[in-house]
């Protein structure tokens, strides 16, 4: 009986349905890709404008280097290296350097110990 046997291949209706779904998928992907590329180009333009603005602001500053800033020099002389202007003092190194990742819990514990002593 030929009713119960499967036909080999694909019918025209199945082919048209499959190609239509593929075409829709391609169009939707293209639209999203275009939106993504436009957003990427806009972000690049924004970053370039921001860089130019920061350089312009930096050129207009009266004090452009931190080691020439009178307030920073005063902080070092009064607190970080009392009586002298020593940039690599132990206290300056300890307080001004950033900790990352696994070092943070130990650093918090150390700060808490110093707070308890003081």
Protein backbone atom coordinates (compact mmCIF):
# COMPACT_ATOMS: atom_id res chain seq x y z
CA UNK A 1 0.00 0.00 0.00
CA UNK A 2 1.45 3.29 -1.08
CA UNK A 3 -0.45 5.29 1.54
CA UNK A 4 1.82 4.19 4.36
CA UNK A 5 5.15 4.68 2.62
CA UNK A 6 7.10 7.88 2.90
CA UNK A 7 7.95 9.81 -0.18
CA UNK A 8 11.61 10.48 -0.76
CA UNK A 9 12.62 14.13 -1.01
CA UNK A 10 10.80 17.30 -0.22
CA UNK A 11 7.53 18.61 -1.51
CA UNK A 12 7.28 22.00 -3.16
CA UNK A 13 5.29 23.32 -0.21
CA UNK A 14 7.97 22.22 2.27
CA UNK A 15 10.67 23.77 0.09
CA UNK A 16 8.85 27.12 -0.15
CA UNK A 17 8.11 27.14 3.58
CA UNK A 18 11.75 26.38 4.42
CA UNK A 19 13.12 29.00 1.99
CA UNK A 20 10.69 31.61 3.33
CA UNK A 21 11.79 30.95 6.89
CA UNK A 22 15.43 31.14 5.84
CA UNK A 23 14.84 34.45 4.03
CA UNK A 24 13.12 35.93 7.08
CA UNK A 25 15.99 34.78 9.31
CA UNK A 26 18.55 36.35 6.96
CA UNK A 27 16.66 39.66 6.83
CA UNK A 28 16.22 39.83 10.62
CA UNK A 29 19.91 38.98 11.15
CA UNK A 30 20.89 41.68 8.64
CA UNK A 31 18.76 44.28 10.40
CA UNK A 32 20.27 43.46 13.80
CA UNK A 33 23.77 43.45 12.33
CA UNK A 34 23.16 46.90 10.80
CA UNK A 35 21.94 48.23 14.15
CA UNK A 36 24.99 46.74 15.88
CA UNK A 37 27.44 48.24 13.36
CA UNK A 38 25.77 51.65 13.65
CA UNK A 39 25.97 51.54 17.45
CA UNK A 40 29.63 50.49 17.27
CA UNK A 41 30.44 53.36 14.87
CA UNK A 42 28.60 55.84 17.10
CA UNK A 43 30.51 54.67 20.17
CA UNK A 44 33.83 55.03 18.31
CA UNK A 45 32.89 58.58 17.32
CA UNK A 46 31.92 59.40 20.93
CA UNK A 47 35.20 58.00 22.25
CA UNK A 48 37.20 60.07 19.74
CA UNK A 49 35.32 63.24 20.76
CA UNK A 50 35.85 62.46 24.45
CA UNK A 51 39.59 61.93 23.94
CA UNK A 52 39.89 65.24 22.05
CA UNK A 53 37.95 67.02 24.81
CA UNK A 54 40.14 65.60 27.57
CA UNK A 55 43.33 66.59 25.77
CA UNK A 56 41.96 70.11 25.25
CA UNK A 57 41.08 70.42 28.94
CA UNK A 58 44.49 69.08 29.94
CA UNK A 59 46.28 71.63 27.75
CA UNK A 60 44.35 74.47 29.45
CA UNK A 61 45.22 73.38 33.00
CA UNK A 62 47.64 75.59 34.95
CA UNK A 63 49.14 72.60 36.83
CA UNK A 64 49.49 69.62 34.51
CA UNK A 65 51.77 67.35 36.56
CA UNK A 66 50.85 65.99 39.97
CA UNK A 67 54.40 66.20 41.36
CA UNK A 68 54.36 69.97 40.66
CA UNK A 69 51.02 70.53 42.43
CA UNK A 70 51.60 72.60 45.61
CA UNK A 71 48.75 70.83 47.44
CA UNK A 72 50.23 67.39 46.71
CA UNK A 73 53.68 68.59 47.79
CA UNK A 74 52.13 69.84 51.05
CA UNK A 75 50.38 66.49 51.65
CA UNK A 76 53.68 64.65 51.26
CA UNK A 77 55.54 67.07 53.54
CA UNK A 78 52.85 67.07 56.26
CA UNK A 79 51.50 63.53 56.21
CA UNK A 80 52.99 60.97 53.83
CA UNK A 81 56.67 61.71 54.52
CA UNK A 82 56.76 64.23 57.41
CA UNK A 83 59.38 66.94 57.14
CA UNK A 84 60.55 66.02 53.67
CA UNK A 85 59.25 65.51 50.17
CA UNK A 86 59.89 61.80 49.71
CA UNK A 87 57.54 60.31 47.12
CA UNK A 88 58.48 56.68 47.68
CA UNK A 89 57.91 56.60 51.43
CA UNK A 90 56.47 53.45 53.00
CA UNK A 91 53.30 55.26 54.11
CA UNK A 92 52.74 56.76 50.63
CA UNK A 93 53.25 53.38 49.00
CA UNK A 94 50.87 51.69 51.43
CA UNK A 95 48.08 54.29 51.20
CA UNK A 96 48.22 55.30 47.55
CA UNK A 97 48.68 52.01 45.71
CA UNK A 98 45.60 50.16 44.55
CA UNK A 99 44.78 46.60 45.54
CA UNK A 100 43.04 44.19 43.17
CA UNK A 101 41.27 40.84 43.28
CA UNK A 102 42.44 38.44 45.96
CA UNK A 103 44.45 41.15 47.79
CA UNK A 104 41.33 43.11 48.82
CA UNK A 105 40.11 40.97 51.78
CA UNK A 106 43.58 41.01 53.38
CA UNK A 107 43.79 44.77 52.82
CA UNK A 108 40.38 45.34 54.45
CA UNK A 109 41.47 43.23 57.43
CA UNK A 110 44.68 45.25 57.72
CA UNK A 111 42.74 48.53 57.63
CA UNK A 112 40.39 47.26 60.32
CA UNK A 113 43.37 46.36 62.55
CA UNK A 114 44.79 49.87 62.14
CA UNK A 115 41.41 51.36 63.01
CA UNK A 116 41.21 49.27 66.20
CA UNK A 117 44.73 50.38 67.26
CA UNK A 118 44.04 54.08 66.66
